[in-house]
């Protein structure tokens, strides 16, 4: 069962997992580094109910760190992967998708995105996120 909420600058997916918990994916659009360019940021949370995940989402964008409380199963990560790849293919010309993290554990879990064309986004020489643009419009050519 999948529940999707779509707004101009937000896209939320809530999906029931086989273990009875819910996978909650939050896509949030922000202005990019140049005028007329937008970045979509992704948040993922596994919860027992909608209220718990919405409380996490509200705190996350107020600058508070979140704790890992969900089951974090491989099934949830696979469902999230499929939703992220679908979303990536629907990006517009002037949009990109960024997936960041708060700790090393999450960074290691998200590293699998590089197999699907995501590239490192660095700040001061440190990788801070993985990102991609719609491959229909953009072609990434790695530096050699």
Protein backbone atom coordinates (compact mmCIF):
# COMPACT_ATOMS: atom_id res chain seq x y z
CA UNK A 1 0.00 0.00 0.00
CA UNK A 2 1.48 3.33 -1.06
CA UNK A 3 0.21 6.77 -0.07
CA UNK A 4 1.55 9.74 -2.06
CA UNK A 5 1.10 13.42 -1.23
CA UNK A 6 2.24 15.89 -3.86
CA UNK A 7 2.63 19.63 -3.42
CA UNK A 8 4.49 22.27 -5.41
CA UNK A 9 7.66 22.04 -3.31
CA UNK A 10 7.09 18.73 -1.51
CA UNK A 11 6.48 15.14 -2.44
CA UNK A 12 5.79 12.57 0.28
CA UNK A 13 5.59 8.81 -0.01
CA UNK A 14 4.32 6.59 2.78
CA UNK A 15 4.46 2.85 2.24
CA UNK A 16 3.59 -0.08 4.49
CA UNK A 17 6.48 -2.55 4.83
CA UNK A 18 6.11 -6.33 5.36
CA UNK A 19 7.25 -5.98 8.99
CA UNK A 20 4.31 -3.66 9.81
CA UNK A 21 6.33 -0.44 9.92
CA UNK A 22 6.02 2.44 7.46
CA UNK A 23 8.63 3.78 5.08
CA UNK A 24 8.30 7.56 4.83
CA UNK A 25 10.14 9.40 2.07
CA UNK A 26 10.11 13.19 1.99
CA UNK A 27 11.25 15.05 -1.12
CA UNK A 28 11.64 18.78 -0.49
CA UNK A 29 12.48 21.38 -3.15
CA UNK A 30 14.76 24.33 -2.36
CA UNK A 31 16.33 27.06 -4.45
CA UNK A 32 19.69 26.04 -5.80
CA UNK A 33 23.01 27.80 -5.89
CA UNK A 34 22.11 29.76 -9.05
CA UNK A 35 18.96 31.64 -9.99
CA UNK A 36 16.30 29.48 -11.63
CA UNK A 37 17.86 26.23 -10.43
CA UNK A 38 16.25 23.95 -7.83
CA UNK A 39 17.51 21.14 -5.64
CA UNK A 40 15.35 18.35 -4.25
CA UNK A 41 16.50 17.02 -0.87
CA UNK A 42 15.39 13.61 0.38
CA UNK A 43 14.55 12.50 3.90
CA UNK A 44 13.81 8.89 4.82
CA UNK A 45 12.29 7.68 8.06
CA UNK A 46 10.96 4.29 9.15
CA UNK A 47 8.21 4.60 11.76
CA UNK A 48 5.28 2.93 13.44
CA UNK A 49 2.84 5.68 12.43
CA UNK A 50 2.48 8.92 10.45
CA UNK A 51 2.57 11.21 13.48
CA UNK A 52 6.02 9.95 14.51
CA UNK A 53 7.48 10.48 11.04
CA UNK A 54 5.95 13.95 10.63
CA UNK A 55 7.40 14.96 14.01
CA UNK A 56 10.83 13.79 12.80
CA UNK A 57 10.43 15.69 9.53
CA UNK A 58 9.52 18.93 11.34
CA UNK A 59 12.53 18.70 13.67
CA UNK A 60 14.90 17.83 10.84
CA UNK A 61 14.29 21.10 9.03
CA UNK A 62 14.66 23.11 12.21
CA UNK A 63 18.31 22.02 12.31
CA UNK A 64 17.99 19.35 15.00
CA UNK A 65 19.84 16.04 14.64
CA UNK A 66 17.74 12.90 14.43
CA UNK A 67 18.37 9.56 16.02
CA UNK A 68 18.10 6.21 14.29
CA UNK A 69 15.06 4.51 15.81
CA UNK A 70 13.56 2.47 12.97
CA UNK A 71 14.23 -1.10 11.99
CA UNK A 72 16.24 -0.02 8.92
CA UNK A 73 15.73 -3.23 7.00
CA UNK A 74 17.10 -3.96 3.56
CA UNK A 75 13.50 -4.17 2.34
CA UNK A 76 12.95 -0.53 3.32
CA UNK A 77 16.14 0.53 1.56
CA UNK A 78 15.10 -1.31 -1.61
CA UNK A 79 11.67 0.34 -1.59
CA UNK A 80 13.34 3.72 -1.07
CA UNK A 81 15.77 3.02 -3.93
CA UNK A 82 12.95 2.32 -6.37
CA UNK A 83 11.07 5.49 -5.33
CA UNK A 84 14.24 7.61 -5.63
CA UNK A 85 15.05 6.24 -9.08
CA UNK A 86 11.48 6.92 -10.26
CA UNK A 87 11.66 10.45 -8.88
CA UNK A 88 15.03 11.04 -10.56
CA UNK A 89 13.55 10.30 -13.96
CA UNK A 90 10.80 12.89 -13.40
CA UNK A 91 13.16 15.80 -12.62
CA UNK A 92 12.96 18.86 -14.82
CA UNK A 93 15.84 20.40 -16.76
CA UNK A 94 16.71 22.89 -14.03
CA UNK A 95 16.47 20.46 -11.09
CA UNK A 96 18.76 18.04 -9.30
CA UNK A 97 18.24 15.46 -6.57
CA UNK A 98 20.52 15.46 -3.50
CA UNK A 99 20.76 12.82 -0.81
CA UNK A 100 22.68 13.86 2.28
CA UNK A 101 23.34 12.31 5.67
CA UNK A 102 24.07 13.19 9.27
CA UNK A 103 26.57 10.48 10.19
CA UNK A 104 28.98 7.93 8.73
CA UNK A 105 26.56 5.04 9.19
CA UNK A 106 24.03 6.63 6.88
CA UNK A 107 26.71 7.68 4.40
CA UNK A 108 27.80 4.05 4.08
CA UNK A 109 24.20 2.91 3.60
CA UNK A 110 23.61 5.45 0.82
CA UNK A 111 26.83 4.66 -1.03
CA UNK A 112 24.93 2.19 -3.25
CA UNK A 113 23.40 5.18 -5.07
CA UNK A 114 26.69 5.67 -6.92
CA UNK A 115 25.91 2.48 -8.88
CA UNK A 116 22.92 4.30 -10.37
CA UNK A 117 24.76 7.37 -11.62
CA UNK A 118 24.80 9.54 -8.49
CA UNK A 119 27.98 11.57 -8.03
CA UNK A 120 29.75 13.03 -5.00
CA UNK A 121 28.89 16.57 -3.98
CA UNK A 122 31.75 18.00 -1.97
CA UNK A 123 32.18 20.95 0.35
CA UNK A 124 35.69 21.94 1.43
CA UNK A 125 37.05 18.66 0.03
CA UNK A 126 34.63 16.52 2.05
CA UNK A 127 31.76 14.54 0.48
CA UNK A 128 28.50 15.91 1.90
CA UNK A 129 25.88 14.40 -0.41
CA UNK A 130 25.24 12.27 -3.47
CA UNK A 131 23.40 13.97 -6.30
CA UNK A 132 22.09 13.50 -9.81
CA UNK A 133 20.24 15.34 -12.54
CA UNK A 134 17.75 13.83 -14.94
CA UNK A 135 19.86 11.73 -17.35
CA UNK A 136 17.41 12.56 -20.16
CA UNK A 137 18.69 16.15 -20.12
CA UNK A 138 22.17 15.93 -18.59
CA UNK A 139 25.14 13.66 -19.21
CA UNK A 140 27.78 13.28 -16.55
CA UNK A 141 31.32 13.01 -17.87
CA UNK A 142 33.79 12.12 -15.09
CA UNK A 143 37.12 13.95 -14.82
CA UNK A 144 40.12 11.79 -15.60
